[in-house]
Amino acid sequence: MSSNGAYARYTANQGGGNDPYGGGYGGGYGGGYGSGPAPGYGGNSYSAPTYRGAAATAPSSGGYSQPSAMMDMNDSSSEDKSKRGKRSIALQALNKNVLIWAGFFTVSLFVYFLMSGGDFSFLMTYGAMSRMFGFGILNVKTFKSQRATGVSVKTLQLYCIVFFFRLTSIIRHEGYLPYDKSGDWLYHFIEIMALIFTASALYGCTGPFKSTYQADCDKFGEFNVPQGFGAVYLAVPILFVAICLHPNLNADFLSDVAWTYAMYLESVAVIPQLYMFQKQSNGVVELLTAHFVAALGFGRVMEFTFWIYSYHELATSSGSTLPGYLAIISQFAQLVLMVDFFWYYITAVKNATPLVLPSHAGGNMV
């Protein structure tokens, strides 16, 4: 195709006098492809505008050259879609978090109005419900994902002991039961289900999903004991404390010691789990595992609130309230240990982001 023909896009300025368009409209469309002027349209062919400049060429960008601009627009559109996708995923995760806790609080209110009669002792039942809820979440996480990652077997072992000893006390005697109607049978049922859920999660971590259990991170207390028996450093000393310092509400040595041991031991049972969180290399905690630990903490807050006003009832046979003070101190210590966790948990749930705890090198949680 000739650069000077009728359909030439860009030409250098090759005459045309002072006419900036090099020949103007002389005869319209004549002269195309080497032929004479088209009949009725006159002489010279139409010359495209001439661009004067250093290279005398058409501009490389702008009105006639669009590909790079289109690519930029496509990239920008892809980024926007990616951001919208991430926001959508985050919103879905946030909705799931809200639904999980909304369901728990809805059931709690139902049980409160139906079973408690507004009695303050319902806080004990509420705390037990929260623990059961937490271990229920843990079972969903373990068996649905078929993974035991991020779960401390030592914490599960300790909670199995806690629920077992508490049940041996409250099934035989009524001294440590809530005063309202929930103490008739509901509290027992909740504790039994909590034991079943805990044992089920423990089975999943040590049985079918053992290959995903992070034993290298669950190292709490493994000093001069066989592997996996580090929990004895918590279970054994606290048993001696419970034997020496226990209330006398049941007027039965074994029953009183069993209940006291369960309460003291529960205050430290979550420590191996918090320790494991910090030993994980990336510090990321799966959200369902975080819900599980948060539910345990929330349950402890409920019971701590109750015993602040009722600690004086935990008196020894001689009338000393030292077991009551020890109960408050032990529960408060657990909450202090979990302060950092609660902060990062609330932040993660609010932003629908993964829960990331500080590493053991820089953290101070345990």
Protein backbone atom coordinates (compact mmCIF):
# COMPACT_ATOMS: atom_id res chain seq x y z
CA MET A 1 0.00 0.00 0.00
CA SER A 2 1.50 3.42 -1.06
CA SER A 3 2.25 5.88 1.66
CA ASN A 4 0.93 8.67 -0.54
CA GLY A 5 -2.28 6.99 -1.73
CA ALA A 6 -5.77 7.96 -0.98
CA TYR A 7 -5.89 5.69 2.17
CA ALA A 8 -2.45 6.58 3.56
CA ARG A 9 -2.83 7.11 7.39
CA TYR A 10 0.25 9.18 8.14
CA THR A 11 2.65 10.95 5.72
CA ALA A 12 5.51 13.33 6.11
CA ASN A 13 4.97 16.87 4.95
CA GLN A 14 5.88 16.77 1.28
CA GLY A 15 4.74 20.08 -0.05
CA GLY A 16 1.35 21.61 -0.11
CA GLY A 17 2.60 25.16 0.49
CA ASN A 18 1.39 26.71 3.58
CA ASP A 19 -1.58 24.40 3.84
CA PRO A 20 -1.00 22.47 7.05
CA TYR A 21 -2.90 19.54 5.66
CA GLY A 22 -0.71 19.10 2.59
CA GLY A 23 -3.08 19.54 -0.29
CA GLY A 24 -6.38 20.11 1.36
CA TYR A 25 -9.54 18.75 -0.09
CA GLY A 26 -8.74 19.59 -3.71
CA GLY A 27 -10.93 17.10 -5.40
CA GLY A 28 -12.15 14.89 -2.71
CA TYR A 29 -11.25 11.27 -3.18
CA GLY A 30 -9.47 11.09 -6.47
CA GLY A 31 -6.31 9.17 -7.28
CA GLY A 32 -6.80 6.12 -5.11
CA TYR A 33 -4.50 3.17 -5.85
CA GLY A 34 -2.80 4.77 -8.88
CA SER A 35 -5.89 5.47 -10.94
CA GLY A 36 -7.00 8.88 -12.11
CA PRO A 37 -9.38 11.01 -10.25
CA ALA A 38 -12.76 9.53 -9.63
CA PRO A 39 -15.39 10.92 -11.93
CA GLY A 40 -17.07 13.92 -10.61
CA TYR A 41 -14.72 14.37 -7.62
CA GLY A 42 -11.93 16.42 -9.11
CA GLY A 43 -8.17 16.10 -9.13
CA ASN A 44 -5.93 15.46 -6.22
CA SER A 45 -6.55 12.78 -3.67
CA TYR A 46 -7.20 13.53 -0.04
CA SER A 47 -4.01 13.67 2.03
CA ALA A 48 -4.15 12.69 5.68
CA PRO A 49 -2.96 15.24 8.22
CA THR A 50 0.77 15.68 8.46
CA TYR A 51 2.47 15.53 11.84
CA ARG A 52 5.45 17.78 12.16
CA GLY A 53 7.95 16.81 14.78
CA ALA A 54 11.30 15.27 15.43
CA ALA A 55 10.41 11.92 13.93
CA ALA A 56 7.55 13.11 11.73
CA THR A 57 5.51 10.10 12.80
CA ALA A 58 2.11 9.56 14.35
CA PRO A 59 2.01 9.70 18.14
CA SER A 60 2.81 6.43 19.85
CA SER A 61 0.12 6.92 22.47
CA GLY A 62 -3.06 8.80 22.93
CA GLY A 63 -5.76 9.00 20.33
CA TYR A 64 -4.53 6.33 17.93
CA SER A 65 -2.51 3.95 20.07
CA GLN A 66 -4.66 2.22 22.75
CA PRO A 67 -3.22 -1.25 23.57
CA SER A 68 -1.12 -0.30 26.62
CA ALA A 69 -3.95 1.77 28.06
CA MET A 70 -6.35 -1.11 27.58
CA MET A 71 -3.92 -3.47 29.34
CA ASP A 72 -3.68 -1.05 32.27
CA MET A 73 -7.45 -0.90 32.46
CA ASN A 74 -7.69 -4.69 32.40
CA ASP A 75 -5.08 -4.99 35.17
CA SER A 76 -6.93 -2.42 37.25
CA SER A 77 -10.20 -4.25 36.68
CA SER A 78 -8.59 -7.55 37.74
CA GLU A 79 -7.23 -5.96 40.92
CA ASP A 80 -10.64 -4.52 41.74
CA LYS A 81 -12.27 -7.91 41.24
CA SER A 82 -9.63 -9.54 43.43
CA LYS A 83 -10.21 -7.00 46.20
CA ARG A 84 -13.97 -7.45 45.97
CA GLY A 85 -13.48 -11.21 46.13
CA LYS A 86 -11.33 -10.93 49.25
CA ARG A 87 -13.84 -8.59 50.88
CA SER A 88 -16.60 -11.05 50.05
CA ILE A 89 -14.68 -13.96 51.60
CA ALA A 90 -13.90 -11.86 54.68
CA LEU A 91 -17.57 -10.91 54.99
CA GLN A 92 -18.63 -14.55 54.75
CA ALA A 93 -16.13 -15.50 57.46
CA LEU A 94 -17.40 -12.66 59.65
CA ASN A 95 -20.97 -13.80 59.13
CA LYS A 96 -20.06 -17.34 60.17
CA ASN A 97 -18.38 -16.02 63.32
CA VAL A 98 -21.43 -13.96 64.17
CA LEU A 99 -23.80 -16.86 63.53
CA ILE A 100 -21.80 -19.25 65.72
CA TRP A 101 -21.90 -16.97 68.75
CA ALA A 102 -25.41 -15.68 68.00
CA GLY A 103 -26.67 -19.25 68.08
CA PHE A 104 -24.97 -19.88 71.41
CA PHE A 105 -26.33 -16.71 73.01
CA THR A 106 -29.82 -17.41 71.68
CA VAL A 107 -29.87 -20.87 73.25
CA SER A 108 -28.43 -19.41 76.45
CA LEU A 109 -31.24 -16.87 76.74
CA PHE A 110 -33.81 -19.57 76.07
CA VAL A 111 -32.37 -21.75 78.83
CA TYR A 112 -32.11 -18.76 81.18
CA PHE A 113 -35.77 -17.78 80.90
CA LEU A 114 -36.99 -21.36 80.88
CA MET A 115 -34.81 -22.92 83.57
CA SER A 116 -33.22 -20.33 85.83
CA GLY A 117 -36.01 -18.24 87.25
CA GLY A 118 -33.54 -15.35 87.22
CA ASP A 119 -31.37 -16.83 89.97
CA PHE A 120 -27.79 -15.59 90.12
CA SER A 121 -26.43 -19.13 90.37
CA PHE A 122 -27.37 -19.62 86.71
CA LEU A 123 -23.92 -18.18 85.96
CA MET A 124 -22.50 -21.58 86.93
CA THR A 125 -24.74 -23.28 84.37
CA TYR A 126 -23.93 -20.58 81.82
CA GLY A 127 -20.20 -21.18 82.30
CA ALA A 128 -20.72 -24.92 81.88
CA MET A 129 -22.72 -24.33 78.70
CA SER A 130 -19.91 -22.22 77.28
CA ARG A 131 -17.38 -24.99 77.93
CA MET A 132 -19.62 -27.57 76.28
CA PHE A 133 -20.10 -25.19 73.34
CA GLY A 134 -16.33 -24.82 73.00
CA PHE A 135 -15.66 -28.54 72.91
CA GLY A 136 -18.53 -28.97 70.45
CA ILE A 137 -16.82 -26.49 68.12
CA LEU A 138 -13.55 -28.38 68.53
CA ASN A 139 -15.24 -31.62 67.44
CA VAL A 140 -16.67 -29.91 64.37
CA LYS A 141 -13.24 -28.56 63.51
CA THR A 142 -11.45 -31.88 64.05
CA PHE A 143 -13.85 -34.28 62.35
CA LYS A 144 -15.00 -31.99 59.53
CA SER A 145 -11.51 -31.03 58.47
CA GLN A 146 -10.08 -34.43 59.51
CA ARG A 147 -7.12 -32.62 61.00
CA ALA A 148 -5.82 -32.22 64.54
CA THR A 149 -3.50 -29.31 63.76
CA GLY A 150 -3.17 -26.68 66.45
CA VAL A 151 -4.91 -28.72 69.17
CA SER A 152 -3.12 -29.60 72.40
CA VAL A 153 -3.70 -33.19 73.49
CA LYS A 154 -2.45 -32.26 76.97
CA THR A 155 -5.22 -29.71 77.39
CA LEU A 156 -7.78 -32.31 76.31
CA GLN A 157 -6.35 -34.82 78.78
CA LEU A 158 -6.60 -32.31 81.61
CA TYR A 159 -10.19 -31.38 80.76
CA CYS A 160 -11.19 -35.03 80.67
CA ILE A 161 -9.88 -35.27 84.24
CA VAL A 162 -11.72 -32.06 85.17
CA PHE A 163 -15.11 -33.25 83.92
CA PHE A 164 -14.69 -36.75 85.32
CA PHE A 165 -13.90 -35.58 88.85
CA ARG A 166 -16.60 -32.92 88.81
CA LEU A 167 -19.21 -35.47 87.77
CA THR A 168 -18.18 -37.89 90.52
CA SER A 169 -19.00 -35.12 92.97
CA ILE A 170 -22.19 -33.54 91.59
CA ILE A 171 -23.88 -36.85 90.70
CA ARG A 172 -23.58 -38.14 94.25
CA HIS A 173 -24.15 -34.89 96.17
CA GLU A 174 -25.82 -31.51 95.70
CA GLY A 175 -23.53 -29.19 97.64
CA TYR A 176 -21.89 -27.60 94.56
CA LEU A 177 -24.89 -27.46 92.22
CA PRO A 178 -26.61 -24.25 91.05
CA TYR A 179 -29.54 -23.25 93.23
CA ASP A 180 -32.01 -22.74 90.36
CA LYS A 181 -33.89 -25.36 88.36
CA SER A 182 -30.89 -25.94 86.09
CA GLY A 183 -29.24 -27.66 89.04
CA ASP A 184 -31.92 -30.37 89.03
CA TRP A 185 -30.69 -32.13 85.88
CA LEU A 186 -29.51 -29.68 83.21
CA TYR A 187 -26.16 -28.94 84.85
CA HIS A 188 -25.43 -32.67 85.07
CA PHE A 189 -26.39 -33.15 81.42
CA ILE A 190 -24.15 -30.30 80.29
CA GLU A 191 -21.15 -31.67 82.18
CA ILE A 192 -21.75 -35.18 80.80
CA MET A 193 -21.94 -33.85 77.23
CA ALA A 194 -18.80 -31.78 77.81
CA LEU A 195 -16.95 -34.93 78.92
CA ILE A 196 -18.19 -36.80 75.84
CA PHE A 197 -17.14 -33.97 73.51
CA THR A 198 -13.72 -33.73 75.16
CA ALA A 199 -13.12 -37.47 74.97
CA SER A 200 -14.28 -37.48 71.36
CA ALA A 201 -11.84 -34.70 70.41
CA LEU A 202 -9.05 -36.49 72.27
CA TYR A 203 -9.84 -39.67 70.35
CA GLY A 204 -9.71 -37.79 67.05
CA CYS A 205 -6.32 -36.26 67.85
CA THR A 206 -4.75 -39.51 69.02
CA GLY A 207 -6.58 -41.91 66.71
CA PRO A 208 -7.73 -41.36 63.13
CA PHE A 209 -6.08 -37.95 62.72
CA LYS A 210 -2.92 -38.59 64.68
CA SER A 211 -0.76 -37.99 61.59
CA THR A 212 -1.85 -34.33 61.59
CA TYR A 213 -1.31 -33.80 65.33
CA GLN A 214 1.58 -31.38 65.92
CA ALA A 215 3.42 -33.21 68.69
CA ASP A 216 6.52 -31.11 68.07
CA CYS A 217 4.58 -28.01 69.21
CA ASP A 218 2.67 -29.63 72.09
CA LYS A 219 5.74 -29.81 74.34
CA PHE A 220 4.51 -28.32 77.60
CA GLY A 221 6.03 -30.01 80.66
CA GLU A 222 7.98 -32.65 78.75
CA PHE A 223 10.94 -32.74 81.10
CA ASN A 224 12.08 -36.04 82.61
CA VAL A 225 8.76 -37.65 81.71
CA PRO A 226 7.74 -39.87 78.76
CA GLN A 227 6.65 -38.02 75.63
CA GLY A 228 3.05 -36.81 75.90
CA PHE A 229 2.95 -36.93 79.72
CA GLY A 230 3.85 -33.31 80.40
CA ALA A 231 0.42 -32.67 81.91
CA VAL A 232 1.47 -34.51 85.07
CA TYR A 233 3.33 -31.38 86.16
CA LEU A 234 -0.05 -29.71 86.50
CA ALA A 235 -2.31 -32.59 87.47
CA VAL A 236 -0.29 -34.06 90.35
CA PRO A 237 0.66 -30.93 92.36
CA ILE A 238 -2.88 -29.55 92.11
CA LEU A 239 -4.27 -32.82 93.43
CA PHE A 240 -2.22 -32.39 96.59
CA VAL A 241 -3.44 -28.79 96.95
CA ALA A 242 -7.05 -29.95 96.62
CA ILE A 243 -6.54 -32.64 99.25
CA CYS A 244 -5.09 -30.10 101.67
CA LEU A 245 -7.39 -27.16 100.93
CA HIS A 246 -10.98 -27.97 100.04
CA PRO A 247 -14.41 -26.77 101.13
CA ASN A 248 -16.87 -28.98 102.97
CA LEU A 249 -20.23 -28.34 101.30
CA ASN A 250 -20.90 -32.04 100.69
CA ALA A 251 -19.58 -33.14 104.08
CA ASP A 252 -17.87 -35.98 102.22
CA PHE A 253 -14.07 -36.03 101.90
CA LEU A 254 -13.87 -37.73 98.49
CA SER A 255 -16.70 -35.72 96.98
CA ASP A 256 -15.36 -32.41 98.27
CA VAL A 257 -11.82 -33.15 97.11
CA ALA A 258 -13.07 -34.28 93.68
CA TRP A 259 -15.01 -31.07 93.08
CA THR A 260 -12.20 -28.87 94.38
CA TYR A 261 -9.63 -30.70 92.28
CA ALA A 262 -11.76 -30.16 89.16
CA MET A 263 -12.07 -26.44 89.85
CA TYR A 264 -8.37 -25.89 90.57
CA LEU A 265 -7.25 -28.02 87.64
CA GLU A 266 -9.55 -26.28 85.19
CA SER A 267 -7.79 -23.01 85.98
CA VAL A 268 -4.53 -24.31 84.50
CA ALA A 269 -5.83 -26.85 81.95
CA VAL A 270 -5.70 -24.34 79.09
CA ILE A 271 -2.00 -23.55 79.63
CA PRO A 272 -0.69 -26.34 77.33
CA GLN A 273 -2.96 -25.04 74.56
CA LEU A 274 -1.71 -21.47 74.92
CA TYR A 275 1.86 -22.79 75.06
CA MET A 276 1.29 -24.71 71.85
CA PHE A 277 -0.05 -21.61 70.10
CA GLN A 278 3.19 -19.81 70.77
CA LYS A 279 5.32 -22.72 69.62
CA GLN A 280 3.71 -22.83 66.19
CA SER A 281 6.17 -21.47 63.66
CA ASN A 282 3.80 -19.08 61.88
CA GLY A 283 1.73 -18.07 64.91
CA VAL A 284 -1.52 -18.52 62.94
CA VAL A 285 -4.42 -20.09 64.85
CA GLU A 286 -7.31 -21.68 62.97
CA LEU A 287 -10.46 -19.71 63.67
CA LEU A 288 -12.50 -22.68 64.92
CA THR A 289 -9.70 -23.57 67.33
CA ALA A 290 -9.70 -19.95 68.46
CA HIS A 291 -13.48 -20.13 69.02
CA PHE A 292 -12.93 -23.23 71.15
CA VAL A 293 -10.39 -21.51 73.43
CA ALA A 294 -12.47 -18.33 73.57
CA ALA A 295 -15.51 -20.32 74.69
CA LEU A 296 -13.47 -21.85 77.51
CA GLY A 297 -12.36 -18.39 78.55
CA PHE A 298 -15.88 -16.99 78.40
CA GLY A 299 -17.12 -19.83 80.58
CA ARG A 300 -14.41 -19.05 83.11
CA VAL A 301 -15.46 -15.38 83.14
CA MET A 302 -19.02 -16.42 84.03
CA GLU A 303 -17.90 -18.68 86.88
CA PHE A 304 -15.39 -16.13 88.15
CA THR A 305 -18.20 -13.56 88.33
CA PHE A 306 -20.31 -15.99 90.32
CA TRP A 307 -17.60 -16.93 92.82
CA ILE A 308 -16.60 -13.32 93.47
CA TYR A 309 -19.95 -12.96 95.20
CA SER A 310 -20.15 -16.50 96.58
CA TYR A 311 -16.57 -17.40 97.57
CA HIS A 312 -17.43 -17.23 101.29
CA GLU A 313 -19.54 -20.39 100.85
CA LEU A 314 -16.41 -22.39 100.03
CA ALA A 315 -15.41 -22.86 103.64
CA THR A 316 -13.56 -25.71 105.29
CA SER A 317 -15.02 -27.82 108.09
CA SER A 318 -13.28 -25.48 110.54
CA GLY A 319 -14.92 -22.43 108.97
CA SER A 320 -11.90 -21.10 107.05
CA THR A 321 -12.70 -19.43 103.72
CA LEU A 322 -9.19 -20.03 102.37
CA PRO A 323 -10.49 -22.45 99.69
CA GLY A 324 -12.81 -19.69 98.49
CA TYR A 325 -9.94 -17.21 98.15
CA LEU A 326 -7.87 -19.84 96.40
CA ALA A 327 -10.70 -20.50 93.96
CA ILE A 328 -10.91 -16.82 93.06
CA ILE A 329 -7.13 -16.48 92.71
CA SER A 330 -6.84 -19.55 90.48
CA GLN A 331 -9.65 -18.43 88.19
CA PHE A 332 -8.30 -14.89 88.00
CA ALA A 333 -4.86 -16.27 87.11
CA GLN A 334 -6.36 -18.16 84.18
CA LEU A 335 -8.02 -15.01 82.87
CA VAL A 336 -4.76 -13.08 83.16
CA LEU A 337 -3.01 -15.76 81.12
CA MET A 338 -5.66 -15.38 78.43
CA VAL A 339 -5.69 -11.58 78.18
CA ASP A 340 -3.40 -11.51 75.14
CA PHE A 341 -5.36 -14.27 73.46
CA PHE A 342 -8.66 -12.45 73.97
CA TRP A 343 -7.22 -9.26 72.43
CA TYR A 344 -5.99 -10.99 69.28
CA TYR A 345 -9.15 -13.10 69.07
CA ILE A 346 -11.51 -10.13 69.19
CA THR A 347 -9.40 -8.30 66.61
CA ALA A 348 -9.42 -11.31 64.27
CA VAL A 349 -13.18 -11.87 64.58
CA LYS A 350 -13.95 -8.18 64.07
CA ASN A 351 -11.79 -7.97 60.93
CA ALA A 352 -12.59 -11.50 59.69
CA THR A 353 -8.87 -12.23 59.42
CA PRO A 354 -6.75 -15.15 60.66
CA LEU A 355 -5.83 -15.04 64.32
CA VAL A 356 -2.07 -14.48 64.53
CA LEU A 357 -0.42 -14.64 67.95
CA PRO A 358 3.06 -13.35 68.75
CA SER A 359 5.76 -15.99 68.49
CA HIS A 360 7.41 -17.49 71.58
CA ALA A 361 10.45 -15.34 70.87
CA GLY A 362 8.55 -12.08 71.13
CA GLY A 363 5.29 -12.93 72.84
CA ASN A 364 4.49 -12.84 76.52
CA MET A 365 1.31 -14.84 76.75
CA VAL A 366 2.78 -17.90 78.46
